[in-house]
Amino acid sequence: MKIQTQWSNSLLSLRNMHEIIAEKLKGKKVAYLDYPVYFNIGDLLIYLGTEKFFKDYGVNVCYRAEASDVRLNKVEDCDVILFQGGGNFGDLYNRVQDMRER
């Protein structure tokens, strides 16, 4: 029973963090960049969870693009830029990092 209580408390803590993030996005136009178009099950699951978060909290994602197809004029129309999570931050993945820096 103790493990189940710890698990429930962890999930509640995560839900509270999601609510804090969602509140900061409320009323904002969001660009979601670098969603995965490749086969990496971890990144695909992160993407699936992110899309569920957007739906559950009514996040206004007005622009989505994968890393090689970002149109800066579309991003400029948004208030917030969100990037796909995962392990491709930094200089090992130049194409994606260059896109973020632009």
PDB file of N, CA and C in Angstrom:
ATOM      1  N   MET A   1       0.817  -1.193   0.000  1.00  0.00           N
ATOM      2  CA  MET A   1       0.000   0.000   0.000  1.00  0.00           C
ATOM      3  C   MET A   1       0.861   1.256   0.000  1.00  0.00           C
ATOM      4  N   LYS A   2       2.003   1.207   0.649  1.00  0.00           N
ATOM      5  CA  LYS A   2       2.875   2.374   0.733  1.00  0.00           C
ATOM      6  C   LYS A   2       3.363   2.796  -0.650  1.00  0.00           C
ATOM      7  N   ILE A   3       3.735   1.837  -1.484  1.00  0.00           N
ATOM      8  CA  ILE A   3       4.206   2.151  -2.838  1.00  0.00           C
ATOM      9  C   ILE A   3       3.084   2.794  -3.643  1.00  0.00           C
ATOM     10  N   GLN A   4       1.865   2.285  -3.503  1.00  0.00           N
ATOM     11  CA  GLN A   4       0.733   2.861  -4.223  1.00  0.00           C
ATOM     12  C   GLN A   4       0.491   4.305  -3.784  1.00  0.00           C
ATOM     13  N   THR A   5       0.615   4.584  -2.518  1.00  0.00           N
ATOM     14  CA  THR A   5       0.446   5.953  -2.016  1.00  0.00           C
ATOM     15  C   THR A   5       1.528   6.863  -2.563  1.00  0.00           C
ATOM     16  N   GLN A   6       2.768   6.386  -2.576  1.00  0.00           N
ATOM     17  CA  GLN A   6       3.864   7.187  -3.138  1.00  0.00           C
ATOM     18  C   GLN A   6       3.621   7.463  -4.612  1.00  0.00           C
ATOM     19  N   TRP A   7       3.172   6.456  -5.348  1.00  0.00           N
ATOM     20  CA  TRP A   7       2.887   6.601  -6.772  1.00  0.00           C
ATOM     21  C   TRP A   7       1.785   7.640  -6.988  1.00  0.00           C
ATOM     22  N   SER A   8       0.725   7.531  -6.205  1.00  0.00           N
ATOM     23  CA  SER A   8      -0.381   8.494  -6.320  1.00  0.00           C
ATOM     24  C   SER A   8       0.078   9.906  -6.003  1.00  0.00           C
ATOM     25  N   ASN A   9       0.905  10.050  -4.985  1.00  0.00           N
ATOM     26  CA  ASN A   9       1.422  11.370  -4.621  1.00  0.00           C
ATOM     27  C   ASN A   9       2.308  11.940  -5.725  1.00  0.00           C
ATOM     28  N   SER A  10       3.113  11.089  -6.351  1.00  0.00           N
ATOM     29  CA  SER A  10       3.966  11.536  -7.467  1.00  0.00           C
ATOM     30  C   SER A  10       3.128  12.016  -8.632  1.00  0.00           C
ATOM     31  N   LEU A  11       2.084  11.264  -8.975  1.00  0.00           N
ATOM     32  CA  LEU A  11       1.209  11.664 -10.082  1.00  0.00           C
ATOM     33  C   LEU A  11       0.487  12.967  -9.774  1.00  0.00           C
ATOM     34  N   LEU A  12       0.047  13.139  -8.550  1.00  0.00           N
ATOM     35  CA  LEU A  12      -0.617  14.373  -8.152  1.00  0.00           C
ATOM     36  C   LEU A  12       0.346  15.555  -8.249  1.00  0.00           C
ATOM     37  N   SER A  13       1.577  15.341  -7.851  1.00  0.00           N
ATOM     38  CA  SER A  13       2.597  16.392  -7.941  1.00  0.00           C
ATOM     39  C   SER A  13       2.839  16.790  -9.399  1.00  0.00           C
ATOM     40  N   LEU A  14       2.936  15.799 -10.275  1.00  0.00           N
ATOM     41  CA  LEU A  14       3.118  16.089 -11.705  1.00  0.00           C
ATOM     42  C   LEU A  14       1.916  16.833 -12.274  1.00  0.00           C
ATOM     43  N   ARG A  15       0.721  16.421 -11.890  1.00  0.00           N
ATOM     44  CA  ARG A  15      -0.487  17.103 -12.371  1.00  0.00           C
ATOM     45  C   ARG A  15      -0.489  18.561 -11.931  1.00  0.00           C
ATOM     46  N   ASN A  16      -0.069  18.814 -10.709  1.00  0.00           N
ATOM     47  CA  ASN A  16       0.000  20.190 -10.218  1.00  0.00           C
ATOM     48  C   ASN A  16       0.992  21.011 -11.038  1.00  0.00           C
ATOM     49  N   MET A  17       2.126  20.406 -11.408  1.00  0.00           N
ATOM     50  CA  MET A  17       3.097  21.112 -12.249  1.00  0.00           C
ATOM     51  C   MET A  17       2.506  21.410 -13.618  1.00  0.00           C
ATOM     52  N   HIS A  18       1.755  20.468 -14.174  1.00  0.00           N
ATOM     53  CA  HIS A  18       1.110  20.696 -15.472  1.00  0.00           C
ATOM     54  C   HIS A  18       0.134  21.860 -15.391  1.00  0.00           C
ATOM     55  N   GLU A  19      -0.596  21.935 -14.304  1.00  0.00           N
ATOM     56  CA  GLU A  19      -1.553  23.030 -14.139  1.00  0.00           C
ATOM     57  C   GLU A  19      -0.845  24.382 -14.081  1.00  0.00           C
ATOM     58  N   ILE A  20       0.315  24.425 -13.440  1.00  0.00           N
ATOM     59  CA  ILE A  20       1.092  25.665 -13.359  1.00  0.00           C
ATOM     60  C   ILE A  20       1.561  26.073 -14.755  1.00  0.00           C
ATOM     61  N   ILE A  21       2.049  25.113 -15.526  1.00  0.00           N
ATOM     62  CA  ILE A  21       2.503  25.397 -16.898  1.00  0.00           C
ATOM     63  C   ILE A  21       1.324  25.845 -17.748  1.00  0.00           C
ATOM     64  N   ALA A  22       0.216  25.128 -17.651  1.00  0.00           N
ATOM     65  CA  ALA A  22      -0.967  25.466 -18.453  1.00  0.00           C
ATOM     66  C   ALA A  22      -1.456  26.871 -18.137  1.00  0.00           C
ATOM     67  N   GLU A  23      -1.396  27.262 -16.889  1.00  0.00           N
ATOM     68  CA  GLU A  23      -1.835  28.601 -16.500  1.00  0.00           C
ATOM     69  C   GLU A  23      -0.972  29.673 -17.172  1.00  0.00           C
ATOM     70  N   LYS A  24       0.321  29.408 -17.288  1.00  0.00           N
ATOM     71  CA  LYS A  24       1.228  30.366 -17.937  1.00  0.00           C
ATOM     72  C   LYS A  24       0.960  30.454 -19.445  1.00  0.00           C
ATOM     73  N   LEU A  25       0.374  29.412 -20.027  1.00  0.00           N
ATOM     74  CA  LEU A  25       0.082  29.404 -21.464  1.00  0.00           C
ATOM     75  C   LEU A  25      -1.323  29.903 -21.781  1.00  0.00           C
ATOM     76  N   LYS A  26      -2.124  30.080 -20.765  1.00  0.00           N
ATOM     77  CA  LYS A  26      -3.522  30.485 -20.948  1.00  0.00           C
ATOM     78  C   LYS A  26      -3.607  31.809 -21.708  1.00  0.00           C
ATOM     79  N   GLY A  27      -4.390  31.809 -22.777  1.00  0.00           N
ATOM     80  CA  GLY A  27      -4.599  33.017 -23.569  1.00  0.00           C
ATOM     81  C   GLY A  27      -3.455  33.350 -24.517  1.00  0.00           C
ATOM     82  N   LYS A  28      -2.449  32.512 -24.570  1.00  0.00           N
ATOM     83  CA  LYS A  28      -1.288  32.756 -25.432  1.00  0.00           C
ATOM     84  C   LYS A  28      -1.390  31.934 -26.711  1.00  0.00           C
ATOM     85  N   LYS A  29      -0.789  32.462 -27.770  1.00  0.00           N
ATOM     86  CA  LYS A  29      -0.649  31.702 -29.013  1.00  0.00           C
ATOM     87  C   LYS A  29       0.693  30.981 -28.946  1.00  0.00           C
ATOM     88  N   VAL A  30       0.657  29.663 -29.136  1.00  0.00           N
ATOM     89  CA  VAL A  30       1.829  28.820 -28.923  1.00  0.00           C
ATOM     90  C   VAL A  30       2.316  28.220 -30.237  1.00  0.00           C
ATOM     91  N   ALA A  31       3.637  28.258 -30.426  1.00  0.00           N
ATOM     92  CA  ALA A  31       4.287  27.524 -31.521  1.00  0.00           C
ATOM     93  C   ALA A  31       4.946  26.299 -30.903  1.00  0.00           C
ATOM     94  N   TYR A  32       4.670  25.142 -31.463  1.00  0.00           N
ATOM     95  CA  TYR A  32       5.266  23.887 -30.974  1.00  0.00           C
ATOM     96  C   TYR A  32       6.199  23.364 -32.061  1.00  0.00           C
ATOM     97  N   LEU A  33       7.498  23.399 -31.777  1.00  0.00           N
ATOM     98  CA  LEU A  33       8.501  23.080 -32.796  1.00  0.00           C
ATOM     99  C   LEU A  33       9.281  21.823 -32.462  1.00  0.00           C
ATOM    100  N   ASP A  34       9.758  21.189 -33.509  1.00  0.00           N
ATOM    101  CA  ASP A  34      10.624  20.019 -33.423  1.00  0.00           C
ATOM    102  C   ASP A  34       9.881  18.773 -32.976  1.00  0.00           C
ATOM    103  N   TYR A  35       8.603  18.634 -33.385  1.00  0.00           N
ATOM    104  CA  TYR A  35       7.928  17.374 -33.069  1.00  0.00           C
ATOM    105  C   TYR A  35       8.579  16.265 -33.894  1.00  0.00           C
ATOM    106  N   PRO A  36       8.584  15.035 -33.390  1.00  0.00           N
ATOM    107  CA  PRO A  36       9.340  13.970 -34.053  1.00  0.00           C
ATOM    108  C   PRO A  36       8.664  13.443 -35.315  1.00  0.00           C
ATOM    109  N   VAL A  37       9.456  13.326 -36.352  1.00  0.00           N
ATOM    110  CA  VAL A  37       9.020  12.675 -37.597  1.00  0.00           C
ATOM    111  C   VAL A  37      10.028  11.570 -37.929  1.00  0.00           C
ATOM    112  N   TYR A  38      10.449  10.876 -36.902  1.00  0.00           N
ATOM    113  CA  TYR A  38      11.428   9.801 -37.013  1.00  0.00           C
ATOM    114  C   TYR A  38      11.037   8.747 -35.979  1.00  0.00           C
ATOM    115  N   PHE A  39      11.614   7.573 -36.119  1.00  0.00           N
ATOM    116  CA  PHE A  39      11.234   6.493 -35.212  1.00  0.00           C
ATOM    117  C   PHE A  39      12.168   6.425 -34.010  1.00  0.00           C
ATOM    118  N   ASN A  40      11.736   7.059 -32.947  1.00  0.00           N
ATOM    119  CA  ASN A  40      12.371   6.933 -31.639  1.00  0.00           C
ATOM    120  C   ASN A  40      11.212   6.857 -30.656  1.00  0.00           C
ATOM    121  N   ILE A  41      10.978   5.684 -30.123  1.00  0.00           N
ATOM    122  CA  ILE A  41       9.778   5.467 -29.327  1.00  0.00           C
ATOM    123  C   ILE A  41       9.680   6.429 -28.139  1.00  0.00           C
ATOM    124  N   GLY A  42      10.819   6.761 -27.523  1.00  0.00           N
ATOM    125  CA  GLY A  42      10.795   7.696 -26.399  1.00  0.00           C
ATOM    126  C   GLY A  42      10.305   9.070 -26.812  1.00  0.00           C
ATOM    127  N   ASP A  43      10.848   9.589 -27.918  1.00  0.00           N
ATOM    128  CA  ASP A  43      10.424  10.906 -28.407  1.00  0.00           C
ATOM    129  C   ASP A  43       8.975  10.888 -28.869  1.00  0.00           C
ATOM    130  N   LEU A  44       8.545   9.788 -29.469  1.00  0.00           N
ATOM    131  CA  LEU A  44       7.148   9.688 -29.900  1.00  0.00           C
ATOM    132  C   LEU A  44       6.197   9.675 -28.701  1.00  0.00           C
ATOM    133  N   LEU A  45       6.602   9.029 -27.614  1.00  0.00           N
ATOM    134  CA  LEU A  45       5.764   9.030 -26.412  1.00  0.00           C
ATOM    135  C   LEU A  45       5.728  10.412 -25.760  1.00  0.00           C
ATOM    136  N   ILE A  46       6.854  11.109 -25.758  1.00  0.00           N
ATOM    137  CA  ILE A  46       6.870  12.490 -25.259  1.00  0.00           C
ATOM    138  C   ILE A  46       5.904  13.339 -26.090  1.00  0.00           C
ATOM    139  N   TYR A  47       5.961  13.174 -27.408  1.00  0.00           N
ATOM    140  CA  TYR A  47       5.078  13.918 -28.306  1.00  0.00           C
ATOM    141  C   TYR A  47       3.610  13.615 -28.006  1.00  0.00           C
ATOM    142  N   LEU A  48       3.295  12.349 -27.840  1.00  0.00           N
ATOM    143  CA  LEU A  48       1.916  11.951 -27.557  1.00  0.00           C
ATOM    144  C   LEU A  48       1.423  12.586 -26.252  1.00  0.00           C
ATOM    145  N   GLY A  49       2.265  12.557 -25.228  1.00  0.00           N
ATOM    146  CA  GLY A  49       1.901  13.171 -23.959  1.00  0.00           C
ATOM    147  C   GLY A  49       1.749  14.678 -24.072  1.00  0.00           C
ATOM    148  N   THR A  50       2.599  15.298 -24.879  1.00  0.00           N
ATOM    149  CA  THR A  50       2.521  16.749 -25.080  1.00  0.00           C
ATOM    150  C   THR A  50       1.215  17.128 -25.763  1.00  0.00           C
ATOM    151  N   GLU A  51       0.842  16.376 -26.787  1.00  0.00           N
ATOM    152  CA  GLU A  51      -0.421  16.667 -27.478  1.00  0.00           C
ATOM    153  C   GLU A  51      -1.616  16.461 -26.547  1.00  0.00           C
ATOM    154  N   LYS A  52      -1.545  15.460 -25.672  1.00  0.00           N
ATOM    155  CA  LYS A  52      -2.617  15.258 -24.693  1.00  0.00           C
ATOM    156  C   LYS A  52      -2.671  16.437 -23.722  1.00  0.00           C
ATOM    157  N   PHE A  53      -1.521  16.916 -23.290  1.00  0.00           N
ATOM    158  CA  PHE A  53      -1.466  18.097 -22.426  1.00  0.00           C
ATOM    159  C   PHE A  53      -2.135  19.285 -23.107  1.00  0.00           C
ATOM    160  N   PHE A  54      -1.791  19.528 -24.372  1.00  0.00           N
ATOM    161  CA  PHE A  54      -2.398  20.638 -25.114  1.00  0.00           C
ATOM    162  C   PHE A  54      -3.919  20.500 -25.133  1.00  0.00           C
ATOM    163  N   LYS A  55      -4.397  19.310 -25.431  1.00  0.00           N
ATOM    164  CA  LYS A  55      -5.841  19.076 -25.524  1.00  0.00           C
ATOM    165  C   LYS A  55      -6.515  19.226 -24.151  1.00  0.00           C
ATOM    166  N   ASP A  56      -5.948  18.585 -23.135  1.00  0.00           N
ATOM    167  CA  ASP A  56      -6.559  18.612 -21.802  1.00  0.00           C
ATOM    168  C   ASP A  56      -6.671  20.019 -21.226  1.00  0.00           C
ATOM    169  N   TYR A  57      -5.703  20.870 -21.538  1.00  0.00           N
ATOM    170  CA  TYR A  57      -5.680  22.208 -20.961  1.00  0.00           C
ATOM    171  C   TYR A  57      -6.088  23.298 -21.951  1.00  0.00           C
ATOM    172  N   GLY A  58      -6.527  22.916 -23.130  1.00  0.00           N
ATOM    173  CA  GLY A  58      -7.004  23.901 -24.097  1.00  0.00           C
ATOM    174  C   GLY A  58      -5.930  24.873 -24.551  1.00  0.00           C
ATOM    175  N   VAL A  59      -4.703  24.383 -24.700  1.00  0.00           N
ATOM    176  CA  VAL A  59      -3.600  25.239 -25.132  1.00  0.00           C
ATOM    177  C   VAL A  59      -3.793  25.582 -26.600  1.00  0.00           C
ATOM    178  N   ASN A  60      -3.671  26.852 -26.924  1.00  0.00           N
ATOM    179  CA  ASN A  60      -3.865  27.346 -28.289  1.00  0.00           C
ATOM    180  C   ASN A  60      -2.567  27.204 -29.092  1.00  0.00           C
ATOM    181  N   VAL A  61      -2.372  26.026 -29.676  1.00  0.00           N
ATOM    182  CA  VAL A  61      -1.194  25.804 -30.517  1.00  0.00           C
ATOM    183  C   VAL A  61      -1.560  26.271 -31.921  1.00  0.00           C
ATOM    184  N   CYS A  62      -1.057  27.437 -32.292  1.00  0.00           N
ATOM    185  CA  CYS A  62      -1.427  28.016 -33.581  1.00  0.00           C
ATOM    186  C   CYS A  62      -0.430  27.658 -34.675  1.00  0.00           C
ATOM    187  N   TYR A  63       0.711  27.052 -34.285  1.00  0.00           N
ATOM    188  CA  TYR A  63       1.693  26.653 -35.290  1.00  0.00           C
ATOM    189  C   TYR A  63       2.491  25.461 -34.791  1.00  0.00           C
ATOM    190  N   ARG A  64       2.582  24.440 -35.642  1.00  0.00           N
ATOM    191  CA  ARG A  64       3.383  23.252 -35.361  1.00  0.00           C
ATOM    192  C   ARG A  64       4.320  23.041 -36.540  1.00  0.00           C
ATOM    193  N   ALA A  65       5.549  22.620 -36.237  1.00  0.00           N
ATOM    194  CA  ALA A  65       6.489  22.308 -37.321  1.00  0.00           C
ATOM    195  C   ALA A  65       7.556  21.351 -36.822  1.00  0.00           C
ATOM    196  N   GLU A  66       7.998  20.486 -37.716  1.00  0.00           N
ATOM    197  CA  GLU A  66       9.157  19.661 -37.385  1.00  0.00           C
ATOM    198  C   GLU A  66      10.406  20.473 -37.696  1.00  0.00           C
ATOM    199  N   ALA A  67      11.535  20.051 -37.188  1.00  0.00           N
ATOM    200  CA  ALA A  67      12.747  20.881 -37.165  1.00  0.00           C
ATOM    201  C   ALA A  67      13.175  21.406 -38.532  1.00  0.00           C
ATOM    202  N   SER A  68      13.008  20.619 -39.583  1.00  0.00           N
ATOM    203  CA  SER A  68      13.509  21.057 -40.888  1.00  0.00           C
ATOM    204  C   SER A  68      12.514  21.903 -41.666  1.00  0.00           C
ATOM    205  N   ASP A  69      11.344  22.167 -41.098  1.00  0.00           N
ATOM    206  CA  ASP A  69      10.315  22.898 -41.837  1.00  0.00           C
ATOM    207  C   ASP A  69       9.768  24.093 -41.055  1.00  0.00           C
ATOM    208  N   VAL A  70      10.589  24.702 -40.217  1.00  0.00           N
ATOM    209  CA  VAL A  70      10.131  25.837 -39.408  1.00  0.00           C
ATOM    210  C   VAL A  70      10.118  27.098 -40.262  1.00  0.00           C
ATOM    211  N   ARG A  71       8.989  27.788 -40.253  1.00  0.00           N
ATOM    212  CA  ARG A  71       8.861  29.069 -40.958  1.00  0.00           C
ATOM    213  C   ARG A  71       8.862  30.174 -39.903  1.00  0.00           C
ATOM    214  N   LEU A  72       9.928  30.943 -39.913  1.00  0.00           N
ATOM    215  CA  LEU A  72      10.102  31.948 -38.856  1.00  0.00           C
ATOM    216  C   LEU A  72       8.978  32.977 -38.833  1.00  0.00           C
ATOM    217  N   ASN A  73       8.423  33.318 -39.993  1.00  0.00           N
ATOM    218  CA  ASN A  73       7.328  34.288 -40.001  1.00  0.00           C
ATOM    219  C   ASN A  73       6.105  33.750 -39.248  1.00  0.00           C
ATOM    220  N   LYS A  74       5.900  32.442 -39.249  1.00  0.00           N
ATOM    221  CA  LYS A  74       4.793  31.838 -38.492  1.00  0.00           C
ATOM    222  C   LYS A  74       5.096  31.866 -36.991  1.00  0.00           C
ATOM    223  N   VAL A  75       6.352  31.617 -36.637  1.00  0.00           N
ATOM    224  CA  VAL A  75       6.759  31.626 -35.230  1.00  0.00           C
ATOM    225  C   VAL A  75       6.622  33.028 -34.651  1.00  0.00           C
ATOM    226  N   GLU A  76       6.965  34.038 -35.444  1.00  0.00           N
ATOM    227  CA  GLU A  76       6.893  35.425 -34.971  1.00  0.00           C
ATOM    228  C   GLU A  76       5.478  35.844 -34.595  1.00  0.00           C
ATOM    229  N   ASP A  77       4.467  35.169 -35.150  1.00  0.00           N
ATOM    230  CA  ASP A  77       3.077  35.486 -34.825  1.00  0.00           C
ATOM    231  C   ASP A  77       2.631  34.893 -33.487  1.00  0.00           C
ATOM    232  N   CYS A  78       3.484  34.115 -32.862  1.00  0.00           N
ATOM    233  CA  CYS A  78       3.123  33.432 -31.618  1.00  0.00           C
ATOM    234  C   CYS A  78       3.715  34.156 -30.407  1.00  0.00           C
ATOM    235  N   ASP A  79       3.101  33.913 -29.254  1.00  0.00           N
ATOM    236  CA  ASP A  79       3.568  34.512 -28.003  1.00  0.00           C
ATOM    237  C   ASP A  79       4.604  33.639 -27.299  1.00  0.00           C
ATOM    238  N   VAL A  80       4.477  32.333 -27.470  1.00  0.00           N
ATOM    239  CA  VAL A  80       5.322  31.369 -26.762  1.00  0.00           C
ATOM    240  C   VAL A  80       5.836  30.345 -27.754  1.00  0.00           C
ATOM    241  N   ILE A  81       7.097  29.951 -27.599  1.00  0.00           N
ATOM    242  CA  ILE A  81       7.681  28.892 -28.422  1.00  0.00           C
ATOM    243  C   ILE A  81       8.003  27.716 -27.511  1.00  0.00           C
ATOM    244  N   LEU A  82       7.450  26.556 -27.835  1.00  0.00           N
ATOM    245  CA  LEU A  82       7.753  25.330 -27.106  1.00  0.00           C
ATOM    246  C   LEU A  82       8.489  24.380 -28.040  1.00  0.00           C
ATOM    247  N   PHE A  83       9.519  23.727 -27.509  1.00  0.00           N
ATOM    248  CA  PHE A  83      10.277  22.741 -28.272  1.00  0.00           C
ATOM    249  C   PHE A  83       9.998  21.346 -27.729  1.00  0.00           C
ATOM    250  N   GLN A  84      10.004  20.369 -28.619  1.00  0.00           N
ATOM    251  CA  GLN A  84       9.882  18.973 -28.221  1.00  0.00           C
ATOM    252  C   GLN A  84      10.982  18.641 -27.226  1.00  0.00           C
ATOM    253  N   GLY A  85      10.645  17.919 -26.190  1.00  0.00           N
ATOM    254  CA  GLY A  85      11.650  17.461 -25.233  1.00  0.00           C
ATOM    255  C   GLY A  85      12.442  16.309 -25.826  1.00  0.00           C
ATOM    256  N   GLY A  86      13.333  15.777 -25.077  1.00  0.00           N
ATOM    257  CA  GLY A  86      14.141  14.666 -25.542  1.00  0.00           C
ATOM    258  C   GLY A  86      15.610  14.999 -25.415  1.00  0.00           C
ATOM    259  N   GLY A  87      16.428  14.227 -26.081  1.00  0.00           N
ATOM    260  CA  GLY A  87      17.863  14.359 -25.886  1.00  0.00           C
ATOM    261  C   GLY A  87      18.623  15.046 -26.993  1.00  0.00           C
ATOM    262  N   ASN A  88      17.959  15.854 -27.821  1.00  0.00           N
ATOM    263  CA  ASN A  88      18.667  16.455 -28.956  1.00  0.00           C
ATOM    264  C   ASN A  88      19.047  17.912 -28.735  1.00  0.00           C
ATOM    265  N   PHE A  89      19.109  18.353 -27.488  1.00  0.00           N
ATOM    266  CA  PHE A  89      19.574  19.707 -27.208  1.00  0.00           C
ATOM    267  C   PHE A  89      21.101  19.715 -27.196  1.00  0.00           C
ATOM    268  N   GLY A  90      21.691  20.756 -27.743  1.00  0.00           N
ATOM    269  CA  GLY A  90      23.143  20.879 -27.730  1.00  0.00           C
ATOM    270  C   GLY A  90      23.763  20.713 -29.103  1.00  0.00           C
ATOM    271  N   ASP A  91      25.069  20.662 -29.132  1.00  0.00           N
ATOM    272  CA  ASP A  91      25.791  20.702 -30.405  1.00  0.00           C
ATOM    273  C   ASP A  91      25.991  19.348 -31.079  1.00  0.00           C
ATOM    274  N   LEU A  92      25.446  18.270 -30.539  1.00  0.00           N
ATOM    275  CA  LEU A  92      25.538  16.978 -31.221  1.00  0.00           C
ATOM    276  C   LEU A  92      24.562  16.881 -32.389  1.00  0.00           C
ATOM    277  N   TYR A  93      23.516  17.668 -32.346  1.00  0.00           N
ATOM    278  CA  TYR A  93      22.479  17.658 -33.381  1.00  0.00           C
ATOM    279  C   TYR A  93      22.400  19.062 -33.973  1.00  0.00           C
ATOM    280  N   ASN A  94      23.343  19.380 -34.828  1.00  0.00           N
ATOM    281  CA  ASN A  94      23.494  20.749 -35.342  1.00  0.00           C
ATOM    282  C   ASN A  94      22.249  21.277 -36.032  1.00  0.00           C
ATOM    283  N   ARG A  95      21.610  20.477 -36.858  1.00  0.00           N
ATOM    284  CA  ARG A  95      20.440  20.948 -37.611  1.00  0.00           C
ATOM    285  C   ARG A  95      19.351  21.440 -36.665  1.00  0.00           C
ATOM    286  N   VAL A  96      19.082  20.663 -35.645  1.00  0.00           N
ATOM    287  CA  VAL A  96      18.022  21.031 -34.713  1.00  0.00           C
ATOM    288  C   VAL A  96      18.453  22.204 -33.835  1.00  0.00           C
ATOM    289  N   GLN A  97      19.690  22.197 -33.376  1.00  0.00           N
ATOM    290  CA  GLN A  97      20.177  23.296 -32.534  1.00  0.00           C
ATOM    291  C   GLN A  97      20.226  24.603 -33.300  1.00  0.00           C
ATOM    292  N   ASP A  98      20.634  24.537 -34.560  1.00  0.00           N
ATOM    293  CA  ASP A  98      20.648  25.749 -35.399  1.00  0.00           C
ATOM    294  C   ASP A  98      19.238  26.333 -35.525  1.00  0.00           C
ATOM    295  N   MET A  99      18.243  25.456 -35.694  1.00  0.00           N
ATOM    296  CA  MET A  99      16.855  25.909 -35.797  1.00  0.00           C
ATOM    297  C   MET A  99      16.452  26.622 -34.515  1.00  0.00           C
ATOM    298  N   ARG A 100      16.797  26.069 -33.370  1.00  0.00           N
ATOM    299  CA  ARG A 100      16.432  26.702 -32.087  1.00  0.00           C
ATOM    300  C   ARG A 100      17.083  28.070 -31.947  1.00  0.00           C
ATOM    301  N   GLU A 101      18.337  28.171 -32.326  1.00  0.00           N
ATOM    302  CA  GLU A 101      19.040  29.438 -32.190  1.00  0.00           C
ATOM    303  C   GLU A 101      18.482  30.503 -33.134  1.00  0.00           C
ATOM    304  N   ARG A 102      18.019  30.098 -34.313  1.00  0.00           N
ATOM    305  CA  ARG A 102      17.388  31.069 -35.225  1.00  0.00           C
ATOM    306  C   ARG A 102      16.108  31.577 -34.588  1.00  0.00           C
TER     307      ARG A 102
END
